[in-house]
Amino acid sequence: MAKERVTVCVPPCAPEDVHRAIGAAMAPYDYNRDPAPGEPEVETWWDYWRIDGRGCEFPVLAGHEDDPRLLRGSETLSGEPRDVPLSLCDGGPRGLRRVVAQWSAP
């Protein structure tokens, strides 16, 4: 699979632990490992991954643009520098992101 977009939800953690938490959450889906008994042998693997919303960024709740818990990837998947406006983020606590649409029952 080339350039697949994956949304990963991890439990709350310190900013310096985010990459480890994402790696742990994605590990069961990495077929570049020895299969466990009963698992199919699949020949595919992650080449690399980055935090990069690329057009699917979340709007940040006004007044929280500088919160250190917000994630903004610094490089694109191709390694180019990335400049994400403070009004957007790639992830972070849900309470810091603005709700864009809501659904309600009649």
Protein backbone atom coordinates (compact mmCIF):
# COMPACT_ATOMS: atom_id res chain seq x y z
CA MET A 1 0.00 0.00 0.00
CA ALA A 2 1.44 3.31 -0.97
CA LYS A 3 0.77 6.53 0.87
CA GLU A 4 -2.17 5.25 2.84
CA ARG A 5 -3.82 7.60 5.33
CA VAL A 6 -4.35 6.05 8.75
CA THR A 7 -6.04 7.70 11.71
CA VAL A 8 -4.53 6.52 14.96
CA CYS A 9 -6.12 7.17 18.34
CA VAL A 10 -3.89 6.75 21.37
CA PRO A 11 -4.51 7.23 25.09
CA PRO A 12 -3.42 10.51 26.66
CA CYS A 13 0.35 10.71 26.89
CA ALA A 14 3.15 13.23 27.24
CA PRO A 15 4.14 15.00 23.98
CA GLU A 16 7.53 13.27 24.00
CA ASP A 17 5.77 9.86 24.08
CA VAL A 18 3.46 10.43 21.08
CA HIS A 19 5.68 8.74 18.47
CA ARG A 20 6.13 5.69 20.70
CA ALA A 21 2.38 5.49 21.35
CA ILE A 22 1.55 5.75 17.64
CA GLY A 23 4.17 3.11 16.80
CA ALA A 24 2.69 0.77 19.42
CA ALA A 25 -0.85 1.33 18.11
CA MET A 26 0.25 0.61 14.53
CA ALA A 27 2.49 -2.38 15.36
CA PRO A 28 -0.20 -5.08 14.99
CA TYR A 29 -0.77 -3.92 11.41
CA ASP A 30 2.91 -4.01 10.42
CA TYR A 31 3.47 -7.17 8.42
CA ASN A 32 7.23 -6.60 8.40
CA ARG A 33 7.47 -8.91 11.38
CA ASP A 34 7.34 -12.62 12.11
CA PRO A 35 3.70 -13.75 11.93
CA ALA A 36 2.16 -15.16 15.08
CA PRO A 37 0.86 -18.74 14.93
CA GLY A 38 -2.33 -18.87 12.86
CA GLU A 39 -1.74 -15.51 11.15
CA PRO A 40 -1.45 -15.42 7.37
CA GLU A 41 1.93 -14.72 5.85
CA VAL A 42 1.63 -11.35 4.13
CA GLU A 43 4.43 -9.70 2.21
CA THR A 44 3.91 -6.01 2.91
CA TRP A 45 5.23 -3.57 5.49
CA TRP A 46 5.44 0.04 6.57
CA ASP A 47 8.32 1.79 4.86
CA TYR A 48 7.90 4.76 7.17
CA TRP A 49 5.23 6.93 8.70
CA ARG A 50 4.86 10.57 9.65
CA ILE A 51 2.33 12.76 11.39
CA ASP A 52 0.88 14.62 8.41
CA GLY A 53 -2.79 15.63 8.05
CA ARG A 54 -2.21 16.88 4.51
CA GLY A 55 -5.53 18.54 3.82
CA CYS A 56 -7.41 16.76 6.61
CA GLU A 57 -6.18 18.89 9.50
CA PHE A 58 -8.45 19.67 12.45
CA PRO A 59 -9.51 23.24 13.29
CA VAL A 60 -8.15 24.33 16.69
CA LEU A 61 -10.46 25.77 19.33
CA ALA A 62 -9.87 29.53 19.52
CA GLY A 63 -7.51 30.47 22.32
CA HIS A 64 -5.71 27.09 22.32
CA GLU A 65 -3.53 27.53 19.21
CA ASP A 66 -0.26 27.33 21.18
CA ASP A 67 -1.19 24.37 23.41
CA PRO A 68 1.83 22.00 23.44
CA ARG A 69 -0.48 18.94 23.35
CA LEU A 70 -1.53 19.74 19.77
CA LEU A 71 0.30 17.79 17.08
CA ARG A 72 1.58 19.36 13.89
CA GLY A 73 3.88 17.33 11.69
CA SER A 74 6.97 19.22 10.57
CA GLU A 75 7.56 17.25 7.33
CA THR A 76 5.39 15.97 4.51
CA LEU A 77 5.48 12.28 3.59
CA SER A 78 8.10 13.15 0.96
CA GLY A 79 10.28 14.87 3.58
CA GLU A 80 9.52 18.45 2.50
CA PRO A 81 9.20 21.06 5.27
CA ARG A 82 5.60 21.63 6.33
CA ASP A 83 4.15 24.83 7.76
CA VAL A 84 0.81 24.17 9.49
CA PRO A 85 -1.07 27.35 10.51
CA LEU A 86 -1.73 27.67 14.24
CA SER A 87 -5.47 27.53 13.51
CA LEU A 88 -5.05 23.90 12.36
CA CYS A 89 -3.51 20.76 13.84
CA ASP A 90 -2.93 17.12 12.88
CA GLY A 91 -4.17 15.85 16.21
CA GLY A 92 -4.28 16.30 19.93
CA PRO A 93 -6.87 16.15 22.70
CA ARG A 94 -10.42 16.36 21.33
CA GLY A 95 -11.25 19.21 23.72
CA LEU A 96 -8.76 21.47 21.90
CA ARG A 97 -10.26 20.94 18.48
CA ARG A 98 -13.26 22.86 17.25
CA VAL A 99 -16.35 20.89 16.28
CA VAL A 100 -17.01 21.52 12.60
CA ALA A 101 -20.31 19.68 12.19
CA GLN A 102 -22.77 18.15 14.59
CA TRP A 103 -25.60 15.73 14.06
CA SER A 104 -28.71 15.78 16.15
CA ALA A 105 -31.83 13.64 16.04
CA PRO A 106 -35.12 15.39 15.24
